Amino acid sequence: MTQVNVTELRQKLPAYLERVRRGERIRVTSRGRVIAELSAPTPTADQATLARKRLRGSVRRFERPTEPVFGPREWDVNG
């Protein structure tokens, strides 16, 4: 987790907010003590439900993980 003092945060606020938007958590310090943490907002229940719907059925289970996933005729290596 990144730490930044208040002065630097004020000077470079847009850059730090962009980092937070991408998922990074940032601790804000004043005189060497942590006074706040910045993080992206947690998803709403509706957003989480939609994400689960999109992912449902997308995970494959392989009974034999050391064997190829595709058969020899399914490969299209030459374009």
PDB file of N, CA and C in Angstrom:
ATOM      1  N   MET A   1       0.841  -1.164   0.000  1.00  0.00           N
ATOM      2  CA  MET A   1       0.000   0.000   0.000  1.00  0.00           C
ATOM      3  C   MET A   1       0.895   1.239   0.000  1.00  0.00           C
ATOM      4  N   THR A   2       0.568   2.184  -0.847  1.00  0.00           N
ATOM      5  CA  THR A   2       1.340   3.412  -0.980  1.00  0.00           C
ATOM      6  C   THR A   2       0.988   4.382   0.150  1.00  0.00           C
ATOM      7  N   GLN A   3       2.000   5.093   0.641  1.00  0.00           N
ATOM      8  CA  GLN A   3       1.768   6.155   1.613  1.00  0.00           C
ATOM      9  C   GLN A   3       2.185   7.478   1.001  1.00  0.00           C
ATOM     10  N   VAL A   4       1.413   8.522   1.257  1.00  0.00           N
ATOM     11  CA  VAL A   4       1.706   9.844   0.737  1.00  0.00           C
ATOM     12  C   VAL A   4       1.340  10.876   1.805  1.00  0.00           C
ATOM     13  N   ASN A   5       2.174  11.912   1.931  1.00  0.00           N
ATOM     14  CA  ASN A   5       1.821  12.935   2.909  1.00  0.00           C
ATOM     15  C   ASN A   5       0.841  13.926   2.285  1.00  0.00           C
ATOM     16  N   VAL A   6       0.166  14.668   3.131  1.00  0.00           N
ATOM     17  CA  VAL A   6      -0.893  15.571   2.704  1.00  0.00           C
ATOM     18  C   VAL A   6      -0.395  16.576   1.662  1.00  0.00           C
ATOM     19  N   THR A   7       0.777  17.128   1.859  1.00  0.00           N
ATOM     20  CA  THR A   7       1.310  18.132   0.936  1.00  0.00           C
ATOM     21  C   THR A   7       1.478  17.559  -0.462  1.00  0.00           C
ATOM     22  N   GLU A   8       2.100  16.384  -0.563  1.00  0.00           N
ATOM     23  CA  GLU A   8       2.289  15.774  -1.881  1.00  0.00           C
ATOM     24  C   GLU A   8       0.950  15.392  -2.495  1.00  0.00           C
ATOM     25  N   LEU A   9       0.019  14.900  -1.673  1.00  0.00           N
ATOM     26  CA  LEU A   9      -1.307  14.543  -2.181  1.00  0.00           C
ATOM     27  C   LEU A   9      -1.988  15.763  -2.791  1.00  0.00           C
ATOM     28  N   ARG A  10      -1.918  16.889  -2.134  1.00  0.00           N
ATOM     29  CA  ARG A  10      -2.519  18.121  -2.674  1.00  0.00           C
ATOM     30  C   ARG A  10      -1.881  18.510  -4.004  1.00  0.00           C
ATOM     31  N   GLN A  11      -0.576  18.390  -4.087  1.00  0.00           N
ATOM     32  CA  GLN A  11       0.137  18.804  -5.289  1.00  0.00           C
ATOM     33  C   GLN A  11      -0.131  17.890  -6.479  1.00  0.00           C
ATOM     34  N   LYS A  12      -0.360  16.609  -6.205  1.00  0.00           N
ATOM     35  CA  LYS A  12      -0.518  15.626  -7.284  1.00  0.00           C
ATOM     36  C   LYS A  12      -1.834  14.870  -7.174  1.00  0.00           C
ATOM     37  N   LEU A  13      -2.884  15.557  -6.730  1.00  0.00           N
ATOM     38  CA  LEU A  13      -4.158  14.888  -6.480  1.00  0.00           C
ATOM     39  C   LEU A  13      -4.704  14.123  -7.684  1.00  0.00           C
ATOM     40  N   PRO A  14      -4.746  14.696  -8.899  1.00  0.00           N
ATOM     41  CA  PRO A  14      -5.291  13.929 -10.030  1.00  0.00           C
ATOM     42  C   PRO A  14      -4.563  12.605 -10.273  1.00  0.00           C
ATOM     43  N   ALA A  15      -3.250  12.610 -10.140  1.00  0.00           N
ATOM     44  CA  ALA A  15      -2.482  11.377 -10.365  1.00  0.00           C
ATOM     45  C   ALA A  15      -2.805  10.327  -9.305  1.00  0.00           C
ATOM     46  N   TYR A  16      -2.914  10.750  -8.056  1.00  0.00           N
ATOM     47  CA  TYR A  16      -3.241   9.789  -6.992  1.00  0.00           C
ATOM     48  C   TYR A  16      -4.671   9.276  -7.126  1.00  0.00           C
ATOM     49  N   LEU A  17      -5.597  10.138  -7.517  1.00  0.00           N
ATOM     50  CA  LEU A  17      -6.976   9.682  -7.712  1.00  0.00           C
ATOM     51  C   LEU A  17      -7.070   8.684  -8.860  1.00  0.00           C
ATOM     52  N   GLU A  18      -6.265   8.859  -9.886  1.00  0.00           N
ATOM     53  CA  GLU A  18      -6.234   7.887 -10.986  1.00  0.00           C
ATOM     54  C   GLU A  18      -5.738   6.539 -10.492  1.00  0.00           C
ATOM     55  N   ARG A  19      -4.729   6.553  -9.646  1.00  0.00           N
ATOM     56  CA  ARG A  19      -4.215   5.290  -9.088  1.00  0.00           C
ATOM     57  C   ARG A  19      -5.283   4.605  -8.248  1.00  0.00           C
ATOM     58  N   VAL A  20      -6.027   5.390  -7.483  1.00  0.00           N
ATOM     59  CA  VAL A  20      -7.116   4.832  -6.670  1.00  0.00           C
ATOM     60  C   VAL A  20      -8.197   4.261  -7.577  1.00  0.00           C
ATOM     61  N   ARG A  21      -8.511   4.978  -8.653  1.00  0.00           N
ATOM     62  CA  ARG A  21      -9.533   4.507  -9.588  1.00  0.00           C
ATOM     63  C   ARG A  21      -9.171   3.145 -10.174  1.00  0.00           C
ATOM     64  N   ARG A  22      -7.862   2.904 -10.361  1.00  0.00           N
ATOM     65  CA  ARG A  22      -7.400   1.618 -10.900  1.00  0.00           C
ATOM     66  C   ARG A  22      -7.321   0.527  -9.846  1.00  0.00           C
ATOM     67  N   GLY A  23      -7.680   0.851  -8.591  1.00  0.00           N
ATOM     68  CA  GLY A  23      -7.753  -0.183  -7.573  1.00  0.00           C
ATOM     69  C   GLY A  23      -6.695  -0.114  -6.490  1.00  0.00           C
ATOM     70  N   GLU A  24      -5.777   0.809  -6.574  1.00  0.00           N
ATOM     71  CA  GLU A  24      -4.729   0.914  -5.564  1.00  0.00           C
ATOM     72  C   GLU A  24      -5.271   1.605  -4.311  1.00  0.00           C
ATOM     73  N   ARG A  25      -4.810   1.169  -3.160  1.00  0.00           N
ATOM     74  CA  ARG A  25      -5.170   1.840  -1.903  1.00  0.00           C
ATOM     75  C   ARG A  25      -4.009   2.729  -1.486  1.00  0.00           C
ATOM     76  N   ILE A  26      -4.333   3.915  -0.997  1.00  0.00           N
ATOM     77  CA  ILE A  26      -3.309   4.889  -0.630  1.00  0.00           C
ATOM     78  C   ILE A  26      -3.575   5.399   0.782  1.00  0.00           C
ATOM     79  N   ARG A  27      -2.529   5.354   1.608  1.00  0.00           N
ATOM     80  CA  ARG A  27      -2.617   5.902   2.962  1.00  0.00           C
ATOM     81  C   ARG A  27      -2.110   7.337   2.940  1.00  0.00           C
ATOM     82  N   VAL A  28      -2.869   8.220   3.570  1.00  0.00           N
ATOM     83  CA  VAL A  28      -2.504   9.632   3.653  1.00  0.00           C
ATOM     84  C   VAL A  28      -1.940   9.887   5.044  1.00  0.00           C
ATOM     85  N   THR A  29      -0.769  10.527   5.081  1.00  0.00           N
ATOM     86  CA  THR A  29      -0.122  10.794   6.368  1.00  0.00           C
ATOM     87  C   THR A  29       0.007  12.292   6.615  1.00  0.00           C
ATOM     88  N   SER A  30       0.045  12.627   7.902  1.00  0.00           N
ATOM     89  CA  SER A  30       0.306  13.996   8.329  1.00  0.00           C
ATOM     90  C   SER A  30       1.252  13.913   9.510  1.00  0.00           C
ATOM     91  N   ARG A  31       2.407  14.531   9.354  1.00  0.00           N
ATOM     92  CA  ARG A  31       3.449  14.483  10.378  1.00  0.00           C
ATOM     93  C   ARG A  31       3.815  13.042  10.752  1.00  0.00           C
ATOM     94  N   GLY A  32       3.838  12.192   9.730  1.00  0.00           N
ATOM     95  CA  GLY A  32       4.262  10.814   9.929  1.00  0.00           C
ATOM     96  C   GLY A  32       3.196   9.858  10.444  1.00  0.00           C
ATOM     97  N   ARG A  33       1.987  10.356  10.697  1.00  0.00           N
ATOM     98  CA  ARG A  33       0.908   9.489  11.194  1.00  0.00           C
ATOM     99  C   ARG A  33      -0.168   9.333  10.130  1.00  0.00           C
ATOM    100  N   VAL A  34      -0.668   8.121   9.983  1.00  0.00           N
ATOM    101  CA  VAL A  34      -1.724   7.856   9.002  1.00  0.00           C
ATOM    102  C   VAL A  34      -3.008   8.517   9.498  1.00  0.00           C
ATOM    103  N   ILE A  35      -3.608   9.342   8.614  1.00  0.00           N
ATOM    104  CA  ILE A  35      -4.854  10.014   8.987  1.00  0.00           C
ATOM    105  C   ILE A  35      -6.033   9.584   8.124  1.00  0.00           C
ATOM    106  N   ALA A  36      -5.748   8.936   6.990  1.00  0.00           N
ATOM    107  CA  ALA A  36      -6.839   8.503   6.110  1.00  0.00           C
ATOM    108  C   ALA A  36      -6.322   7.458   5.141  1.00  0.00           C
ATOM    109  N   GLU A  37      -7.260   6.726   4.549  1.00  0.00           N
ATOM    110  CA  GLU A  37      -6.947   5.785   3.471  1.00  0.00           C
ATOM    111  C   GLU A  37      -7.887   6.068   2.319  1.00  0.00           C
ATOM    112  N   LEU A  38      -7.330   6.111   1.124  1.00  0.00           N
ATOM    113  CA  LEU A  38      -8.132   6.297  -0.079  1.00  0.00           C
ATOM    114  C   LEU A  38      -8.245   4.964  -0.797  1.00  0.00           C
ATOM    115  N   SER A  39      -9.467   4.622  -1.188  1.00  0.00           N
ATOM    116  CA  SER A  39      -9.684   3.403  -1.962  1.00  0.00           C
ATOM    117  C   SER A  39     -10.906   3.601  -2.843  1.00  0.00           C
ATOM    118  N   ALA A  40     -10.990   2.801  -3.878  1.00  0.00           N
ATOM    119  CA  ALA A  40     -12.140   2.862  -4.776  1.00  0.00           C
ATOM    120  C   ALA A  40     -13.385   2.418  -4.017  1.00  0.00           C
ATOM    121  N   PRO A  41     -14.549   2.927  -4.404  1.00  0.00           N
ATOM    122  CA  PRO A  41     -15.770   2.517  -3.718  1.00  0.00           C
ATOM    123  C   PRO A  41     -16.078   1.048  -3.968  1.00  0.00           C
ATOM    124  N   THR A  42     -16.721   0.422  -3.016  1.00  0.00           N
ATOM    125  CA  THR A  42     -17.130  -0.974  -3.194  1.00  0.00           C
ATOM    126  C   THR A  42     -18.318  -1.012  -4.144  1.00  0.00           C
ATOM    127  N   PRO A  43     -18.424  -2.057  -4.936  1.00  0.00           N
ATOM    128  CA  PRO A  43     -19.537  -2.142  -5.883  1.00  0.00           C
ATOM    129  C   PRO A  43     -20.875  -2.264  -5.145  1.00  0.00           C
ATOM    130  N   THR A  44     -21.915  -1.742  -5.762  1.00  0.00           N
ATOM    131  CA  THR A  44     -23.252  -1.884  -5.192  1.00  0.00           C
ATOM    132  C   THR A  44     -23.708  -3.326  -5.351  1.00  0.00           C
ATOM    133  N   ALA A  45     -24.765  -3.681  -4.663  1.00  0.00           N
ATOM    134  CA  ALA A  45     -25.297  -5.047  -4.763  1.00  0.00           C
ATOM    135  C   ALA A  45     -25.717  -5.354  -6.195  1.00  0.00           C
ATOM    136  N   ASP A  46     -26.297  -4.374  -6.884  1.00  0.00           N
ATOM    137  CA  ASP A  46     -26.710  -4.590  -8.276  1.00  0.00           C
ATOM    138  C   ASP A  46     -25.504  -4.828  -9.185  1.00  0.00           C
ATOM    139  N   GLN A  47     -24.435  -4.056  -8.986  1.00  0.00           N
ATOM    140  CA  GLN A  47     -23.232  -4.239  -9.797  1.00  0.00           C
ATOM    141  C   GLN A  47     -22.613  -5.611  -9.551  1.00  0.00           C
ATOM    142  N   ALA A  48     -22.593  -6.046  -8.292  1.00  0.00           N
ATOM    143  CA  ALA A  48     -22.036  -7.362  -7.971  1.00  0.00           C
ATOM    144  C   ALA A  48     -22.877  -8.470  -8.593  1.00  0.00           C
ATOM    145  N   THR A  49     -24.190  -8.321  -8.563  1.00  0.00           N
ATOM    146  CA  THR A  49     -25.074  -9.322  -9.159  1.00  0.00           C
ATOM    147  C   THR A  49     -24.844  -9.414 -10.661  1.00  0.00           C
ATOM    148  N   LEU A  50     -24.728  -8.268 -11.327  1.00  0.00           N
ATOM    149  CA  LEU A  50     -24.471  -8.273 -12.776  1.00  0.00           C
ATOM    150  C   LEU A  50     -23.129  -8.911 -13.104  1.00  0.00           C
ATOM    151  N   ALA A  51     -22.123  -8.640 -12.300  1.00  0.00           N
ATOM    152  CA  ALA A  51     -20.801  -9.240 -12.538  1.00  0.00           C
ATOM    153  C   ALA A  51     -20.870 -10.759 -12.389  1.00  0.00           C
ATOM    154  N   ARG A  52     -21.569 -11.229 -11.376  1.00  0.00           N
ATOM    155  CA  ARG A  52     -21.703 -12.686 -11.196  1.00  0.00           C
ATOM    156  C   ARG A  52     -22.455 -13.319 -12.358  1.00  0.00           C
ATOM    157  N   LYS A  53     -23.493 -12.638 -12.868  1.00  0.00           N
ATOM    158  CA  LYS A  53     -24.239 -13.158 -14.017  1.00  0.00           C
ATOM    159  C   LYS A  53     -23.332 -13.285 -15.241  1.00  0.00           C
ATOM    160  N   ARG A  54     -22.484 -12.252 -15.471  1.00  0.00           N
ATOM    161  CA  ARG A  54     -21.578 -12.306 -16.619  1.00  0.00           C
ATOM    162  C   ARG A  54     -20.569 -13.435 -16.490  1.00  0.00           C
ATOM    163  N   LEU A  55     -20.133 -13.723 -15.282  1.00  0.00           N
ATOM    164  CA  LEU A  55     -19.113 -14.754 -15.074  1.00  0.00           C
ATOM    165  C   LEU A  55     -19.682 -16.166 -14.990  1.00  0.00           C
ATOM    166  N   ARG A  56     -20.954 -16.272 -14.656  1.00  0.00           N
ATOM    167  CA  ARG A  56     -21.562 -17.594 -14.483  1.00  0.00           C
ATOM    168  C   ARG A  56     -21.407 -18.423 -15.758  1.00  0.00           C
ATOM    169  N   GLY A  57     -20.884 -19.610 -15.612  1.00  0.00           N
ATOM    170  CA  GLY A  57     -20.689 -20.510 -16.738  1.00  0.00           C
ATOM    171  C   GLY A  57     -19.407 -20.267 -17.510  1.00  0.00           C
ATOM    172  N   SER A  58     -18.620 -19.280 -17.120  1.00  0.00           N
ATOM    173  CA  SER A  58     -17.408 -18.985 -17.876  1.00  0.00           C
ATOM    174  C   SER A  58     -16.187 -19.750 -17.365  1.00  0.00           C
ATOM    175  N   VAL A  59     -16.306 -20.368 -16.222  1.00  0.00           N
ATOM    176  CA  VAL A  59     -15.186 -21.117 -15.655  1.00  0.00           C
ATOM    177  C   VAL A  59     -15.298 -22.563 -16.101  1.00  0.00           C
ATOM    178  N   ARG A  60     -14.207 -23.086 -16.592  1.00  0.00           N
ATOM    179  CA  ARG A  60     -14.190 -24.485 -17.026  1.00  0.00           C
ATOM    180  C   ARG A  60     -13.487 -25.334 -15.986  1.00  0.00           C
ATOM    181  N   ARG A  61     -13.955 -26.545 -15.841  1.00  0.00           N
ATOM    182  CA  ARG A  61     -13.314 -27.493 -14.933  1.00  0.00           C
ATOM    183  C   ARG A  61     -12.695 -28.596 -15.785  1.00  0.00           C
ATOM    184  N   PHE A  62     -11.432 -28.863 -15.520  1.00  0.00           N
ATOM    185  CA  PHE A  62     -10.724 -29.883 -16.277  1.00  0.00           C
ATOM    186  C   PHE A  62     -10.405 -31.051 -15.357  1.00  0.00           C
ATOM    187  N   GLU A  63     -10.886 -32.203 -15.734  1.00  0.00           N
ATOM    188  CA  GLU A  63     -10.668 -33.407 -14.937  1.00  0.00           C
ATOM    189  C   GLU A  63      -9.213 -33.879 -15.048  1.00  0.00           C
ATOM    190  N   ARG A  64      -8.585 -33.613 -16.194  1.00  0.00           N
ATOM    191  CA  ARG A  64      -7.202 -34.027 -16.422  1.00  0.00           C
ATOM    192  C   ARG A  64      -6.374 -32.799 -16.799  1.00  0.00           C
ATOM    193  N   PRO A  65      -5.946 -32.024 -15.836  1.00  0.00           N
ATOM    194  CA  PRO A  65      -5.278 -30.751 -16.137  1.00  0.00           C
ATOM    195  C   PRO A  65      -3.930 -30.872 -16.831  1.00  0.00           C
ATOM    196  N   THR A  66      -3.332 -32.053 -16.851  1.00  0.00           N
ATOM    197  CA  THR A  66      -2.034 -32.202 -17.513  1.00  0.00           C
ATOM    198  C   THR A  66      -2.167 -32.544 -18.994  1.00  0.00           C
ATOM    199  N   GLU A  67      -3.389 -32.793 -19.457  1.00  0.00           N
ATOM    200  CA  GLU A  67      -3.608 -33.110 -20.866  1.00  0.00           C
ATOM    201  C   GLU A  67      -4.063 -31.860 -21.618  1.00  0.00           C
ATOM    202  N   PRO A  68      -3.860 -31.822 -22.936  1.00  0.00           N
ATOM    203  CA  PRO A  68      -4.272 -30.650 -23.713  1.00  0.00           C
ATOM    204  C   PRO A  68      -5.771 -30.390 -23.593  1.00  0.00           C
ATOM    205  N   VAL A  69      -6.139 -29.132 -23.611  1.00  0.00           N
ATOM    206  CA  VAL A  69      -7.547 -28.747 -23.517  1.00  0.00           C
ATOM    207  C   VAL A  69      -8.256 -29.021 -24.825  1.00  0.00           C
ATOM    208  N   PHE A  70      -7.589 -28.745 -25.948  1.00  0.00           N
ATOM    209  CA  PHE A  70      -8.182 -28.934 -27.262  1.00  0.00           C
ATOM    210  C   PHE A  70      -7.613 -30.187 -27.913  1.00  0.00           C
ATOM    211  N   GLY A  71      -8.424 -30.814 -28.742  1.00  0.00           N
ATOM    212  CA  GLY A  71      -7.965 -31.951 -29.515  1.00  0.00           C
ATOM    213  C   GLY A  71      -7.076 -31.488 -30.654  1.00  0.00           C
ATOM    214  N   PRO A  72      -6.305 -32.402 -31.264  1.00  0.00           N
ATOM    215  CA  PRO A  72      -5.369 -32.024 -32.332  1.00  0.00           C
ATOM    216  C   PRO A  72      -6.056 -31.347 -33.519  1.00  0.00           C
ATOM    217  N   ARG A  73      -7.285 -31.690 -33.815  1.00  0.00           N
ATOM    218  CA  ARG A  73      -7.977 -31.107 -34.964  1.00  0.00           C
ATOM    219  C   ARG A  73      -8.564 -29.729 -34.655  1.00  0.00           C
ATOM    220  N   GLU A  74      -8.596 -29.362 -33.379  1.00  0.00           N
ATOM    221  CA  GLU A  74      -9.142 -28.051 -33.003  1.00  0.00           C
ATOM    222  C   GLU A  74      -8.102 -26.941 -33.031  1.00  0.00           C
ATOM    223  N   TRP A  75      -6.841 -27.302 -33.181  1.00  0.00           N
ATOM    224  CA  TRP A  75      -5.771 -26.300 -33.183  1.00  0.00           C
ATOM    225  C   TRP A  75      -5.742 -25.604 -34.539  1.00  0.00           C
ATOM    226  N   ASP A  76      -5.572 -24.299 -34.505  1.00  0.00           N
ATOM    227  CA  ASP A  76      -5.441 -23.523 -35.731  1.00  0.00           C
ATOM    228  C   ASP A  76      -4.161 -22.698 -35.599  1.00  0.00           C
ATOM    229  N   VAL A  77      -3.024 -23.380 -35.597  1.00  0.00           N
ATOM    230  CA  VAL A  77      -1.753 -22.698 -35.347  1.00  0.00           C
ATOM    231  C   VAL A  77      -1.202 -21.996 -36.582  1.00  0.00           C
ATOM    232  N   ASN A  78      -1.639 -22.363 -37.758  1.00  0.00           N
ATOM    233  CA  ASN A  78      -1.087 -21.759 -38.971  1.00  0.00           C
ATOM    234  C   ASN A  78      -2.006 -20.690 -39.559  1.00  0.00           C
ATOM    235  N   GLY A  79      -2.939 -20.237 -38.778  1.00  0.00           N
ATOM    236  CA  GLY A  79      -3.677 -19.080 -39.184  1.00  0.00           C
ATOM    237  C   GLY A  79      -4.930 -19.251 -39.897  1.00  0.00           C
TER     238      GLY A  79
END
